[in-house]
Every structure is written in C-alpha cells, then in structure tokens.
Amino acid sequence: MARGCLQGVKYLMFAFNLLFWLGGCGILGVGIWLAATQGNFATLSSSFPSLSAANLLIVTGTFVMAIGFVGCIGAIKENTCLLLTFFVLLLLVFLLEATIAILFFAYTDKIDRYAQQDLKKGLHLYGTPGNVGLTNAWSIIQTDFRCCGVSNYTDWFEVYNATRVPDSCCLEFSESCGLHAPGTWWKAPCYETVKVWLQENLLAVGIFGLCTALVQILGLTFAMTMYCQVVKADTYCS
C-alpha cells in the first residue's frame, strides 16, 4: 500500500518537474531569442546596465531548468537528498519573491524616487559611444508611449545643455525635429506614462503572480510528500 502510494506521488512529481523544466527551457529560449534579435535594446538604468529583459529571462530560465532537473532526477531515483535539495531551492525562491513583493509595496515611494533619479542619470548616456542599447531603449519608449523625458521634456535640456530633445520626442518625426519649438514635442512624462500603463495591466500581472505562487506551492507539496513517502518506505523495508 505504501509502495503504491509512493509510485503515484513519484509519477506526479516527475510530471510536474518535467513541465517545470520545459517551462525553464521556454523562458531560456525566449531570452536567447531576444538577445539575438534585439541585442541593441538594453536597460534604461545607469546603475544596472546588464538588467535587460533578455538577460533576466536567460538567468531565470537557466535557474528554473536547474531546479526542474534536480526535481526530475530526485523523483526518478527516489533520492531523498535530491528531493530535499529541490524543496529547499524552491522554498528559497518562493520566500525571495514574497520578500521582494512585500518590500516593493512597503517602500513604493522611495523606489519611485530612486528609479526616477537613476533614469535621469541614464539620460546622460544617451547617444554616447558604447550605449547603443540604452539609446535605442529610450527612443522606443518615447516613440511608443508618446512621452518625453523622465519627469518632463526639460530633463533633456540638462543632457544637451540646450533647449532640445531627441527626435523620438517629436509629435511628427523628422530629422533634427528635436531642435524645434516645444510645441512640436510630446509633453507627457515617460515615467508616469509607463507607470499608468503598468497599473492598467495590474490584473494580468496579479493573475500571473498568483499562478506562479500556486505552481511553486504545488511543487513544494509534491516534493515534501514524496520525501516523506520515500523515508516511510525505506523505514518499512528495513
């Protein structure tokens, strides 16, 4: 009876971790694709130049694949050490995500101020050698969201030491249109515009977060259940 229960949990654990591993492969694949096709699109932050979407997906995908692999092998081999390792790793990830979420909501105002200051520092790297990614990122953001600057278009005046903005700030794009009058530029601040867009899509983000947490809780439950079943079976056999 105990052996039959163990086999059932084993197959569930293996199937779960196989899907987990495949999910990691998918995330890694998307990250590599982004890095290959949009390598010139980087982070807007001057403090974290490597914090691009592609790099985040590659690191996340690799880590998820590693955890899924440990779980799969642990389930197949019925190895208590690997099962416990899988449980601990997944628990650490879950606690880290929960801590980040709590800190984010607790220090939203401070994060807002820091983010805006960091983004304004990043503006000074716009158009400079070796910062093609950041330059392209700002151009895409300002064009797609129809905004200009972090707080407003005057942020660019400090960058150029003149009354001008990048051409991506123009209502109608043309060569050197950033030298024209302010009436021809977007007036909306990019930080607030993107923030409002994120808030409008908060439901989707929340659903994704809850689904992720549910999957992790299921993984923790399967791992601990199988660990206990293996220990019980070994004790019964001995």
C-alpha atoms as a PDB file:
ATOM      1  CA  MET A   1       0.000   0.000   0.000  1.00  0.00           C
ATOM      2  CA  ALA A   2       2.746   2.434   0.964  1.00  0.00           C
ATOM      3  CA  ARG A   3       4.709   1.444  -2.142  1.00  0.00           C
ATOM      4  CA  GLY A   4       1.698   2.070  -4.394  1.00  0.00           C
ATOM      5  CA  CYS A   5       1.151   5.491  -2.847  1.00  0.00           C
ATOM      6  CA  LEU A   6       4.832   6.278  -3.352  1.00  0.00           C
ATOM      7  CA  GLN A   7       4.633   5.324  -7.041  1.00  0.00           C
ATOM      8  CA  GLY A   8       1.639   7.633  -7.534  1.00  0.00           C
ATOM      9  CA  VAL A   9       3.399  10.575  -5.920  1.00  0.00           C
ATOM     10  CA  LYS A  10       6.561   9.710  -7.884  1.00  0.00           C
ATOM     11  CA  TYR A  11       4.808   9.995 -11.250  1.00  0.00           C
ATOM     12  CA  LEU A  12       3.058  13.216 -10.230  1.00  0.00           C
ATOM     13  CA  MET A  13       6.361  14.668  -9.024  1.00  0.00           C
ATOM     14  CA  PHE A  14       8.122  13.639 -12.232  1.00  0.00           C
ATOM     15  CA  ALA A  15       5.381  15.080 -14.471  1.00  0.00           C
ATOM     16  CA  PHE A  16       5.339  18.334 -12.514  1.00  0.00           C
ATOM     17  CA  ASN A  17       9.099  18.773 -12.702  1.00  0.00           C
ATOM     18  CA  LEU A  18       9.176  17.820 -16.385  1.00  0.00           C
ATOM     19  CA  LEU A  19       6.719  20.637 -17.077  1.00  0.00           C
ATOM     20  CA  PHE A  20       8.778  22.869 -14.785  1.00  0.00           C
ATOM     21  CA  TRP A  21      11.937  22.026 -16.747  1.00  0.00           C
ATOM     22  CA  LEU A  22      10.207  22.556 -20.091  1.00  0.00           C
ATOM     23  CA  GLY A  23       8.955  25.917 -18.843  1.00  0.00           C
ATOM     24  CA  GLY A  24      12.528  26.863 -17.992  1.00  0.00           C
ATOM     25  CA  CYS A  25      13.614  25.800 -21.499  1.00  0.00           C
ATOM     26  CA  GLY A  26      10.917  28.055 -22.952  1.00  0.00           C
ATOM     27  CA  ILE A  27      11.951  31.055 -20.841  1.00  0.00           C
ATOM     28  CA  LEU A  28      15.610  30.499 -21.709  1.00  0.00           C
ATOM     29  CA  GLY A  29      14.732  30.199 -25.397  1.00  0.00           C
ATOM     30  CA  VAL A  30      12.812  33.480 -25.374  1.00  0.00           C
ATOM     31  CA  GLY A  31      15.720  35.168 -23.575  1.00  0.00           C
ATOM     32  CA  ILE A  32      18.236  33.908 -26.123  1.00  0.00           C
ATOM     33  CA  TRP A  33      15.928  34.964 -28.977  1.00  0.00           C
ATOM     34  CA  LEU A  34      15.597  38.469 -27.514  1.00  0.00           C
ATOM     35  CA  ALA A  35      19.360  38.712 -27.033  1.00  0.00           C
ATOM     36  CA  ALA A  36      19.966  37.612 -30.638  1.00  0.00           C
ATOM     37  CA  THR A  37      17.278  39.689 -32.344  1.00  0.00           C
ATOM     38  CA  GLN A  38      17.125  42.733 -30.067  1.00  0.00           C
ATOM     39  CA  GLY A  39      20.640  42.872 -28.699  1.00  0.00           C
ATOM     40  CA  ASN A  40      20.661  46.640 -29.161  1.00  0.00           C
ATOM     41  CA  PHE A  41      17.804  47.060 -26.680  1.00  0.00           C
ATOM     42  CA  ALA A  42      19.137  47.370 -23.139  1.00  0.00           C
ATOM     43  CA  THR A  43      18.056  48.635 -19.744  1.00  0.00           C
ATOM     44  CA  LEU A  44      17.281  52.316 -19.142  1.00  0.00           C
ATOM     45  CA  SER A  45      19.132  52.182 -15.823  1.00  0.00           C
ATOM     46  CA  SER A  46      22.651  53.553 -15.489  1.00  0.00           C
ATOM     47  CA  SER A  47      23.227  51.667 -12.219  1.00  0.00           C
ATOM     48  CA  PHE A  48      22.240  48.253 -13.626  1.00  0.00           C
ATOM     49  CA  PRO A  49      23.349  48.232 -17.281  1.00  0.00           C
ATOM     50  CA  SER A  50      23.006  44.442 -17.574  1.00  0.00           C
ATOM     51  CA  LEU A  51      19.445  44.378 -16.226  1.00  0.00           C
ATOM     52  CA  SER A  52      17.791  43.893 -19.618  1.00  0.00           C
ATOM     53  CA  ALA A  53      14.724  41.759 -20.363  1.00  0.00           C
ATOM     54  CA  ALA A  54      16.843  39.277 -22.337  1.00  0.00           C
ATOM     55  CA  ASN A  55      19.388  38.797 -19.531  1.00  0.00           C
ATOM     56  CA  LEU A  56      16.656  38.422 -16.902  1.00  0.00           C
ATOM     57  CA  LEU A  57      14.890  35.760 -18.965  1.00  0.00           C
ATOM     58  CA  ILE A  58      18.134  33.883 -19.620  1.00  0.00           C
ATOM     59  CA  VAL A  59      19.081  33.822 -15.915  1.00  0.00           C
ATOM     60  CA  THR A  60      15.527  32.916 -14.838  1.00  0.00           C
ATOM     61  CA  GLY A  61      15.197  30.187 -17.473  1.00  0.00           C
ATOM     62  CA  THR A  62      18.536  28.638 -16.546  1.00  0.00           C
ATOM     63  CA  PHE A  63      17.663  28.614 -12.845  1.00  0.00           C
ATOM     64  CA  VAL A  64      14.193  27.128 -13.451  1.00  0.00           C
ATOM     65  CA  MET A  65      15.705  24.431 -15.690  1.00  0.00           C
ATOM     66  CA  ALA A  66      18.255  23.553 -12.993  1.00  0.00           C
ATOM     67  CA  ILE A  67      15.588  23.264 -10.285  1.00  0.00           C
ATOM     68  CA  GLY A  68      13.317  21.208 -12.568  1.00  0.00           C
ATOM     69  CA  PHE A  69      16.209  18.884 -13.453  1.00  0.00           C
ATOM     70  CA  VAL A  70      17.024  18.269  -9.787  1.00  0.00           C
ATOM     71  CA  GLY A  71      13.362  17.535  -9.102  1.00  0.00           C
ATOM     72  CA  CYS A  72      13.062  15.124 -12.067  1.00  0.00           C
ATOM     73  CA  ILE A  73      16.158  13.134 -11.095  1.00  0.00           C
ATOM     74  CA  GLY A  74      15.089  13.127  -7.457  1.00  0.00           C
ATOM     75  CA  ALA A  75      11.676  11.726  -8.402  1.00  0.00           C
ATOM     76  CA  ILE A  76      13.033   9.058 -10.775  1.00  0.00           C
ATOM     77  CA  LYS A  77      15.749   7.885  -8.387  1.00  0.00           C
ATOM     78  CA  GLU A  78      13.581   8.350  -5.292  1.00  0.00           C
ATOM     79  CA  ASN A  79      16.591  10.114  -3.827  1.00  0.00           C
ATOM     80  CA  THR A  80      15.809  11.877  -0.555  1.00  0.00           C
ATOM     81  CA  CYS A  81      18.853  14.155  -0.838  1.00  0.00           C
ATOM     82  CA  LEU A  82      17.810  15.476  -4.272  1.00  0.00           C
ATOM     83  CA  LEU A  83      14.166  15.799  -3.218  1.00  0.00           C
ATOM     84  CA  LEU A  84      15.173  17.794  -0.169  1.00  0.00           C
ATOM     85  CA  THR A  85      17.509  19.936  -2.306  1.00  0.00           C
ATOM     86  CA  PHE A  86      14.656  20.642  -4.727  1.00  0.00           C
ATOM     87  CA  PHE A  87      12.352  21.551  -1.821  1.00  0.00           C
ATOM     88  CA  VAL A  88      14.899  23.912  -0.246  1.00  0.00           C
ATOM     89  CA  LEU A  89      15.746  25.641  -3.547  1.00  0.00           C
ATOM     90  CA  LEU A  90      12.091  26.145  -4.454  1.00  0.00           C
ATOM     91  CA  LEU A  91      11.292  27.350  -0.932  1.00  0.00           C
ATOM     92  CA  LEU A  92      14.144  29.890  -1.095  1.00  0.00           C
ATOM     93  CA  VAL A  93      12.842  31.188  -4.445  1.00  0.00           C
ATOM     94  CA  PHE A  94       9.304  31.452  -3.055  1.00  0.00           C
ATOM     95  CA  LEU A  95      10.476  33.320   0.062  1.00  0.00           C
ATOM     96  CA  LEU A  96      12.670  35.627  -2.034  1.00  0.00           C
ATOM     97  CA  GLU A  97       9.744  36.511  -4.320  1.00  0.00           C
ATOM     98  CA  ALA A  98       7.473  37.120  -1.327  1.00  0.00           C
ATOM     99  CA  THR A  99      10.108  39.334   0.350  1.00  0.00           C
ATOM    100  CA  ILE A 100      10.640  41.387  -2.821  1.00  0.00           C
ATOM    101  CA  ALA A 101       6.872  41.858  -3.226  1.00  0.00           C
ATOM    102  CA  ILE A 102       6.448  42.978   0.405  1.00  0.00           C
ATOM    103  CA  LEU A 103       9.403  45.384   0.236  1.00  0.00           C
ATOM    104  CA  PHE A 104       8.153  46.790  -3.073  1.00  0.00           C
ATOM    105  CA  PHE A 105       4.733  47.659  -1.653  1.00  0.00           C
ATOM    106  CA  ALA A 106       6.209  48.885   1.645  1.00  0.00           C
ATOM    107  CA  TYR A 107       8.734  51.241   0.032  1.00  0.00           C
ATOM    108  CA  THR A 108       6.902  52.253  -3.155  1.00  0.00           C
ATOM    109  CA  ASP A 109       7.572  55.982  -2.684  1.00  0.00           C
ATOM    110  CA  LYS A 110      11.299  55.518  -2.042  1.00  0.00           C
ATOM    111  CA  ILE A 111      11.582  53.159  -5.004  1.00  0.00           C
ATOM    112  CA  ASP A 112       9.804  55.725  -7.190  1.00  0.00           C
ATOM    113  CA  ARG A 113      12.236  58.470  -6.184  1.00  0.00           C
ATOM    114  CA  TYR A 114      15.299  56.282  -6.650  1.00  0.00           C
ATOM    115  CA  ALA A 115      14.082  54.973 -10.019  1.00  0.00           C
ATOM    116  CA  GLN A 116      13.480  58.477 -11.357  1.00  0.00           C
ATOM    117  CA  GLN A 117      16.894  59.684 -10.192  1.00  0.00           C
ATOM    118  CA  ASP A 118      18.584  56.654 -11.749  1.00  0.00           C
ATOM    119  CA  LEU A 119      16.712  57.088 -15.038  1.00  0.00           C
ATOM    120  CA  LYS A 120      17.700  60.763 -15.197  1.00  0.00           C
ATOM    121  CA  LYS A 121      21.351  59.765 -14.751  1.00  0.00           C
ATOM    122  CA  GLY A 122      20.880  57.315 -17.594  1.00  0.00           C
ATOM    123  CA  LEU A 123      19.727  60.118 -19.896  1.00  0.00           C
ATOM    124  CA  HIS A 124      23.299  61.476 -19.904  1.00  0.00           C
ATOM    125  CA  LEU A 125      24.447  58.238 -21.568  1.00  0.00           C
ATOM    126  CA  TYR A 126      22.010  58.714 -24.449  1.00  0.00           C
ATOM    127  CA  GLY A 127      23.775  58.788 -27.805  1.00  0.00           C
ATOM    128  CA  THR A 128      27.219  58.188 -26.289  1.00  0.00           C
ATOM    129  CA  PRO A 129      29.646  55.527 -27.614  1.00  0.00           C
ATOM    130  CA  GLY A 130      29.059  52.060 -26.165  1.00  0.00           C
ATOM    131  CA  ASN A 131      25.480  52.813 -25.124  1.00  0.00           C
ATOM    132  CA  VAL A 132      23.562  51.880 -28.256  1.00  0.00           C
ATOM    133  CA  GLY A 133      21.206  49.677 -26.235  1.00  0.00           C
ATOM    134  CA  LEU A 134      20.201  52.438 -23.833  1.00  0.00           C
ATOM    135  CA  THR A 135      19.843  54.913 -26.709  1.00  0.00           C
ATOM    136  CA  ASN A 136      17.556  52.561 -28.635  1.00  0.00           C
ATOM    137  CA  ALA A 137      15.574  51.770 -25.497  1.00  0.00           C
ATOM    138  CA  TRP A 138      14.810  55.449 -24.839  1.00  0.00           C
ATOM    139  CA  SER A 139      13.920  56.019 -28.479  1.00  0.00           C
ATOM    140  CA  ILE A 140      11.463  53.104 -28.469  1.00  0.00           C
ATOM    141  CA  ILE A 141       9.906  54.104 -25.126  1.00  0.00           C
ATOM    142  CA  GLN A 142       9.376  57.733 -26.144  1.00  0.00           C
ATOM    143  CA  THR A 143       8.002  56.807 -29.573  1.00  0.00           C
ATOM    144  CA  ASP A 144       5.661  54.023 -28.404  1.00  0.00           C
ATOM    145  CA  PHE A 145       4.360  55.738 -25.262  1.00  0.00           C
ATOM    146  CA  ARG A 146       4.298  59.225 -26.827  1.00  0.00           C
ATOM    147  CA  CYS A 147       6.233  60.765 -23.959  1.00  0.00           C
ATOM    148  CA  CYS A 148       9.429  62.730 -23.453  1.00  0.00           C
ATOM    149  CA  GLY A 149      11.965  62.621 -20.621  1.00  0.00           C
ATOM    150  CA  VAL A 150      11.589  61.075 -17.187  1.00  0.00           C
ATOM    151  CA  SER A 151       9.638  63.840 -15.389  1.00  0.00           C
ATOM    152  CA  ASN A 152       9.123  66.057 -18.468  1.00  0.00           C
ATOM    153  CA  TYR A 153      10.886  67.103 -21.659  1.00  0.00           C
ATOM    154  CA  THR A 154      13.084  69.611 -19.801  1.00  0.00           C
ATOM    155  CA  ASP A 155      15.109  66.652 -18.453  1.00  0.00           C
ATOM    156  CA  TRP A 156      16.809  66.579 -21.846  1.00  0.00           C
ATOM    157  CA  PHE A 157      17.871  70.234 -21.585  1.00  0.00           C
ATOM    158  CA  GLU A 158      20.409  69.238 -18.896  1.00  0.00           C
ATOM    159  CA  VAL A 159      21.739  66.462 -21.125  1.00  0.00           C
ATOM    160  CA  TYR A 160      22.262  68.659 -24.179  1.00  0.00           C
ATOM    161  CA  ASN A 161      22.913  71.914 -22.282  1.00  0.00           C
ATOM    162  CA  ALA A 162      20.498  73.430 -24.768  1.00  0.00           C
ATOM    163  CA  THR A 163      16.774  73.718 -25.480  1.00  0.00           C
ATOM    164  CA  ARG A 164      16.477  70.494 -27.463  1.00  0.00           C
ATOM    165  CA  VAL A 165      15.289  66.909 -27.146  1.00  0.00           C
ATOM    166  CA  PRO A 166      15.893  63.656 -29.054  1.00  0.00           C
ATOM    167  CA  ASP A 167      13.981  63.313 -32.317  1.00  0.00           C
ATOM    168  CA  SER A 168      11.959  60.469 -30.751  1.00  0.00           C
ATOM    169  CA  CYS A 169      10.178  63.118 -28.644  1.00  0.00           C
ATOM    170  CA  CYS A 170       8.641  64.779 -31.692  1.00  0.00           C
ATOM    171  CA  LEU A 171       4.921  64.647 -32.462  1.00  0.00           C
ATOM    172  CA  GLU A 172       5.854  64.129 -36.110  1.00  0.00           C
ATOM    173  CA  PHE A 173       9.251  62.568 -36.605  1.00  0.00           C
ATOM    174  CA  SER A 174      11.714  64.250 -38.937  1.00  0.00           C
ATOM    175  CA  GLU A 175      15.476  64.761 -39.000  1.00  0.00           C
ATOM    176  CA  SER A 176      16.587  67.197 -36.237  1.00  0.00           C
ATOM    177  CA  CYS A 177      12.964  67.860 -35.207  1.00  0.00           C
ATOM    178  CA  GLY A 178      14.202  67.879 -31.594  1.00  0.00           C
ATOM    179  CA  LEU A 179      15.652  71.325 -32.273  1.00  0.00           C
ATOM    180  CA  HIS A 180      12.234  72.815 -32.998  1.00  0.00           C
ATOM    181  CA  ALA A 181       9.870  74.569 -30.583  1.00  0.00           C
ATOM    182  CA  PRO A 182       8.459  72.707 -27.524  1.00  0.00           C
ATOM    183  CA  GLY A 183       5.031  72.797 -29.155  1.00  0.00           C
ATOM    184  CA  THR A 184       6.193  70.062 -31.551  1.00  0.00           C
ATOM    185  CA  TRP A 185       7.236  67.626 -28.778  1.00  0.00           C
ATOM    186  CA  TRP A 186       5.373  65.130 -26.607  1.00  0.00           C
ATOM    187  CA  LYS A 187       4.617  66.648 -23.202  1.00  0.00           C
ATOM    188  CA  ALA A 188       3.758  63.526 -21.177  1.00  0.00           C
ATOM    189  CA  PRO A 189       6.453  62.320 -18.703  1.00  0.00           C
ATOM    190  CA  CYS A 190       7.657  58.823 -19.597  1.00  0.00           C
ATOM    191  CA  TYR A 191       7.923  57.585 -16.004  1.00  0.00           C
ATOM    192  CA  GLU A 192       4.306  58.381 -15.124  1.00  0.00           C
ATOM    193  CA  THR A 193       3.031  57.226 -18.521  1.00  0.00           C
ATOM    194  CA  VAL A 194       4.680  53.811 -18.218  1.00  0.00           C
ATOM    195  CA  LYS A 195       3.592  53.572 -14.567  1.00  0.00           C
ATOM    196  CA  VAL A 196      -0.051  54.211 -15.525  1.00  0.00           C
ATOM    197  CA  TRP A 197       0.220  51.573 -18.274  1.00  0.00           C
ATOM    198  CA  LEU A 198       1.521  49.048 -15.731  1.00  0.00           C
ATOM    199  CA  GLN A 199      -1.297  49.903 -13.312  1.00  0.00           C
ATOM    200  CA  GLU A 200      -3.858  49.371 -16.073  1.00  0.00           C
ATOM    201  CA  ASN A 201      -2.387  45.905 -16.619  1.00  0.00           C
ATOM    202  CA  LEU A 202      -2.048  45.159 -12.909  1.00  0.00           C
ATOM    203  CA  LEU A 203      -4.780  42.490 -13.035  1.00  0.00           C
ATOM    204  CA  ALA A 204      -2.837  40.449 -15.590  1.00  0.00           C
ATOM    205  CA  VAL A 205       0.341  40.849 -13.534  1.00  0.00           C
ATOM    206  CA  GLY A 206      -1.526  39.801 -10.382  1.00  0.00           C
ATOM    207  CA  ILE A 207      -3.004  36.698 -12.045  1.00  0.00           C
ATOM    208  CA  PHE A 208       0.432  35.726 -13.338  1.00  0.00           C
ATOM    209  CA  GLY A 209       1.916  36.189  -9.855  1.00  0.00           C
ATOM    210  CA  LEU A 210      -0.815  34.078  -8.206  1.00  0.00           C
ATOM    211  CA  CYS A 211      -0.421  31.304 -10.808  1.00  0.00           C
ATOM    212  CA  THR A 212       3.354  31.322 -10.249  1.00  0.00           C
ATOM    213  CA  ALA A 213       2.884  31.102  -6.469  1.00  0.00           C
ATOM    214  CA  LEU A 214       0.360  28.269  -6.874  1.00  0.00           C
ATOM    215  CA  VAL A 215       2.749  26.270  -9.067  1.00  0.00           C
ATOM    216  CA  GLN A 216       5.543  26.737  -6.538  1.00  0.00           C
ATOM    217  CA  ILE A 217       3.301  25.680  -3.632  1.00  0.00           C
ATOM    218  CA  LEU A 218       2.272  22.561  -5.572  1.00  0.00           C
ATOM    219  CA  GLY A 219       5.942  21.809  -6.222  1.00  0.00           C
ATOM    220  CA  LEU A 220       6.769  22.181  -2.547  1.00  0.00           C
ATOM    221  CA  THR A 221       3.827  19.944  -1.594  1.00  0.00           C
ATOM    222  CA  PHE A 222       4.772  17.211  -4.091  1.00  0.00           C
ATOM    223  CA  ALA A 223       8.428  17.307  -3.041  1.00  0.00           C
ATOM    224  CA  MET A 224       7.745  17.071   0.682  1.00  0.00           C
ATOM    225  CA  THR A 225       5.049  14.413   0.207  1.00  0.00           C
ATOM    226  CA  MET A 226       7.362  12.228  -1.853  1.00  0.00           C
ATOM    227  CA  TYR A 227      10.246  12.799   0.542  1.00  0.00           C
ATOM    228  CA  CYS A 228       8.103  11.592   3.431  1.00  0.00           C
ATOM    229  CA  GLN A 229       6.841   8.619   1.383  1.00  0.00           C
ATOM    230  CA  VAL A 230      10.387   7.572   0.444  1.00  0.00           C
ATOM    231  CA  VAL A 231      11.546   7.821   4.066  1.00  0.00           C
ATOM    232  CA  LYS A 232       8.496   5.829   5.188  1.00  0.00           C
ATOM    233  CA  ALA A 233       9.061   3.161   2.505  1.00  0.00           C
ATOM    234  CA  ASP A 234      12.743   2.828   3.426  1.00  0.00           C
ATOM    235  CA  THR A 235      11.828   2.500   7.098  1.00  0.00           C
ATOM    236  CA  TYR A 236       9.157  -0.100   6.292  1.00  0.00           C
ATOM    237  CA  CYS A 237      11.561  -2.147   4.109  1.00  0.00           C
ATOM    238  CA  SER A 238      14.301  -2.066   6.719  1.00  0.00           C
END
